[in-house]
């Protein structure tokens, strides 16, 4: 009796592929040489970003106008879900996003949101800071958004950015 993965390469194809995937080092899975893509990624990203801007804007307005917290809970959940969706989309591509400038900015926003929950009376100031950090972060030049704290330089995916291409063609 043969175990899964014991067939010689090419015998059935599938068990051998399973063995190769299982033997891949974790770093190769988390930080692939060529970032992964999913179909319709740009459309999904636009939909998530639009939902996030709408729900977070309504949530901020609710806090600015002192709407009862129980009336804002659905907006909070929708904002968290759309933000988590955007984070997961980035992490699926490559986990290096975490130590790039744009990932660090998102981490800072999460810390500010946690601070808003801890210091509830100052929540509006913290939420406004989140918007400020997000706005500045999303409009920073690519050399800062793609700056790697680990490598101490801006990282560019060579296969995604043709030589001599204008900065506007960089993945955003």
Protein backbone atom coordinates (compact mmCIF):
# COMPACT_ATOMS: atom_id res chain seq x y z
CA UNK A 1 0.00 0.00 0.00
CA UNK A 2 1.35 3.41 -0.93
CA UNK A 3 1.00 6.45 1.26
CA UNK A 4 0.05 9.87 -0.09
CA UNK A 5 3.12 11.45 -1.57
CA UNK A 6 4.98 8.16 -2.06
CA UNK A 7 4.21 7.86 -5.77
CA UNK A 8 7.10 8.68 -8.07
CA UNK A 9 6.90 12.16 -9.61
CA UNK A 10 4.53 12.25 -12.53
CA UNK A 11 2.76 8.98 -11.62
CA UNK A 12 -0.47 10.71 -10.61
CA UNK A 13 0.77 14.28 -10.23
CA UNK A 14 -1.41 15.21 -7.26
CA UNK A 15 0.31 13.39 -4.34
CA UNK A 16 3.72 14.64 -5.47
CA UNK A 17 2.41 18.22 -5.55
CA UNK A 18 1.01 17.80 -2.04
CA UNK A 19 4.41 16.62 -0.79
CA UNK A 20 6.20 19.58 -2.40
CA UNK A 21 3.75 22.09 -0.92
CA UNK A 22 4.12 20.56 2.52
CA UNK A 23 7.91 20.62 2.34
CA UNK A 24 8.10 24.29 1.29
CA UNK A 25 9.70 26.38 4.01
CA UNK A 26 7.33 28.67 5.86
CA UNK A 27 9.29 31.73 4.75
CA UNK A 28 8.72 30.82 1.08
CA UNK A 29 4.99 30.60 1.73
CA UNK A 30 4.76 33.85 3.72
CA UNK A 31 7.28 35.81 1.63
CA UNK A 32 7.13 34.47 -1.95
CA UNK A 33 9.73 35.74 -4.43
CA UNK A 34 6.88 36.81 -6.73
CA UNK A 35 3.87 38.17 -4.83
CA UNK A 36 0.71 36.12 -5.31
CA UNK A 37 -2.35 37.49 -7.11
CA UNK A 38 -5.99 36.55 -6.96
CA UNK A 39 -8.49 37.07 -9.79
CA UNK A 40 -10.20 40.46 -9.66
CA UNK A 41 -7.84 41.61 -6.89
CA UNK A 42 -8.04 45.26 -7.90
CA UNK A 43 -11.84 45.20 -7.99
CA UNK A 44 -12.00 43.50 -4.60
CA UNK A 45 -9.57 46.03 -3.16
CA UNK A 46 -11.62 48.95 -4.54
CA UNK A 47 -14.85 47.47 -3.14
CA UNK A 48 -13.30 46.89 0.30
CA UNK A 49 -11.71 50.35 0.37
CA UNK A 50 -14.99 52.01 -0.65
CA UNK A 51 -16.92 50.10 2.02
CA UNK A 52 -14.24 50.96 4.58
CA UNK A 53 -14.32 54.67 3.77
CA UNK A 54 -18.12 54.78 3.91
CA UNK A 55 -18.53 52.84 7.15
CA UNK A 56 -15.61 54.48 8.96
CA UNK A 57 -16.84 57.93 7.90
CA UNK A 58 -20.30 57.22 9.28
CA UNK A 59 -18.77 55.78 12.45
CA UNK A 60 -16.60 58.87 12.95
CA UNK A 61 -19.62 61.12 12.36
CA UNK A 62 -21.62 59.12 14.87
CA UNK A 63 -18.98 59.70 17.52
CA UNK A 64 -18.60 63.38 16.56
CA UNK A 65 -22.34 63.93 17.03
CA UNK A 66 -22.57 61.81 20.20
CA UNK A 67 -24.82 59.11 18.77
CA UNK A 68 -25.48 56.34 21.30
CA UNK A 69 -22.77 53.66 21.02
CA UNK A 70 -25.30 50.82 20.60
CA UNK A 71 -26.53 52.52 17.40
CA UNK A 72 -22.97 52.53 15.99
CA UNK A 73 -22.07 48.90 16.65
CA UNK A 74 -23.03 47.65 13.15
CA UNK A 75 -20.88 50.39 11.58
CA UNK A 76 -18.01 49.37 13.85
CA UNK A 77 -18.29 45.73 12.76
CA UNK A 78 -18.52 46.67 9.07
CA UNK A 79 -15.50 48.97 9.41
CA UNK A 80 -13.49 46.25 11.14
CA UNK A 81 -14.54 43.65 8.55
CA UNK A 82 -13.62 45.82 5.55
CA UNK A 83 -10.30 46.81 7.16
CA UNK A 84 -9.51 43.18 7.95
CA UNK A 85 -10.39 42.26 4.36
CA UNK A 86 -7.90 44.78 2.99
CA UNK A 87 -5.22 43.55 5.39
CA UNK A 88 -5.82 39.91 4.40
CA UNK A 89 -5.64 40.85 0.72
CA UNK A 90 -2.23 42.43 1.30
CA UNK A 91 -1.00 39.52 3.44
CA UNK A 92 -2.11 36.98 0.83
CA UNK A 93 0.05 38.74 -1.74
CA UNK A 94 3.06 38.67 0.62
CA UNK A 95 3.54 39.09 4.34
CA UNK A 96 6.37 41.53 3.73
CA UNK A 97 3.62 44.17 3.71
CA UNK A 98 3.86 44.09 7.52
CA UNK A 99 7.31 45.71 7.59
CA UNK A 100 6.78 48.07 4.65
CA UNK A 101 5.83 51.68 5.35
CA UNK A 102 2.23 51.10 4.31
CA UNK A 103 1.87 48.14 6.68
CA UNK A 104 3.45 50.06 9.56
CA UNK A 105 0.95 52.88 8.95
CA UNK A 106 -1.94 50.41 9.26
CA UNK A 107 -0.39 49.05 12.47
CA UNK A 108 -0.26 52.59 13.86
CA UNK A 109 -3.92 53.10 12.95
CA UNK A 110 -4.86 49.89 14.78
CA UNK A 111 -2.96 51.08 17.88
CA UNK A 112 -4.79 54.41 17.75
CA UNK A 113 -8.12 52.58 17.49
CA UNK A 114 -7.24 50.47 20.52
CA UNK A 115 -6.34 53.66 22.39
CA UNK A 116 -9.79 55.06 21.50
CA UNK A 117 -11.35 52.05 23.19
CA UNK A 118 -9.17 52.41 26.29
CA UNK A 119 -9.52 56.18 26.67
CA UNK A 120 -13.17 56.40 25.65
CA UNK A 121 -13.66 60.08 26.54
CA UNK A 122 -10.91 61.02 24.05
CA UNK A 123 -12.17 58.65 21.34
CA UNK A 124 -13.02 61.44 18.90
CA UNK A 125 -9.46 62.78 19.02
CA UNK A 126 -8.08 59.27 18.46
CA UNK A 127 -10.48 58.60 15.59
CA UNK A 128 -9.50 61.90 13.96
CA UNK A 129 -5.85 60.89 14.34
CA UNK A 130 -6.65 57.61 12.57
CA UNK A 131 -8.10 59.56 9.64
CA UNK A 132 -5.09 61.89 9.61
CA UNK A 133 -2.57 59.02 9.66
CA UNK A 134 -4.55 57.13 7.00
CA UNK A 135 -4.79 60.13 4.72
CA UNK A 136 -1.12 61.02 5.01
CA UNK A 137 -0.09 57.37 4.71
CA UNK A 138 -2.10 56.68 1.58
CA UNK A 139 -0.77 59.79 -0.16
CA UNK A 140 2.89 59.39 0.80
CA UNK A 141 5.37 59.00 -2.05
CA UNK A 142 6.07 55.38 -2.99
CA UNK A 143 9.58 55.60 -1.55
CA UNK A 144 7.98 55.87 1.90
CA UNK A 145 5.02 53.51 1.39
CA UNK A 146 7.34 50.79 0.08
CA UNK A 147 10.19 51.52 2.48
CA UNK A 148 11.20 48.34 4.29
CA UNK A 149 12.12 48.74 7.94
CA UNK A 150 13.89 45.39 7.63
CA UNK A 151 15.97 46.16 4.53
CA UNK A 152 16.41 49.90 5.20
CA UNK A 153 15.42 50.78 1.61
CA UNK A 154 12.38 51.01 -0.62
CA UNK A 155 11.43 47.64 -2.11
CA UNK A 156 10.05 47.28 -5.60
CA UNK A 157 8.81 44.08 -7.19
CA UNK A 158 10.91 43.86 -10.39
CA UNK A 159 8.37 41.71 -12.20
CA UNK A 160 5.56 44.17 -11.50
CA UNK A 161 7.40 47.40 -12.28
CA UNK A 162 9.03 47.53 -15.71
CA UNK A 163 12.39 49.28 -15.89
CA UNK A 164 11.95 53.00 -16.42
CA UNK A 165 8.24 52.88 -15.65
CA UNK A 166 6.71 55.96 -14.05
CA UNK A 167 5.96 55.74 -10.33
CA UNK A 168 2.23 55.75 -11.08
CA UNK A 169 2.53 52.17 -12.40
CA UNK A 170 3.70 50.84 -9.03
CA UNK A 171 1.27 48.60 -7.22
CA UNK A 172 -0.78 50.74 -4.87
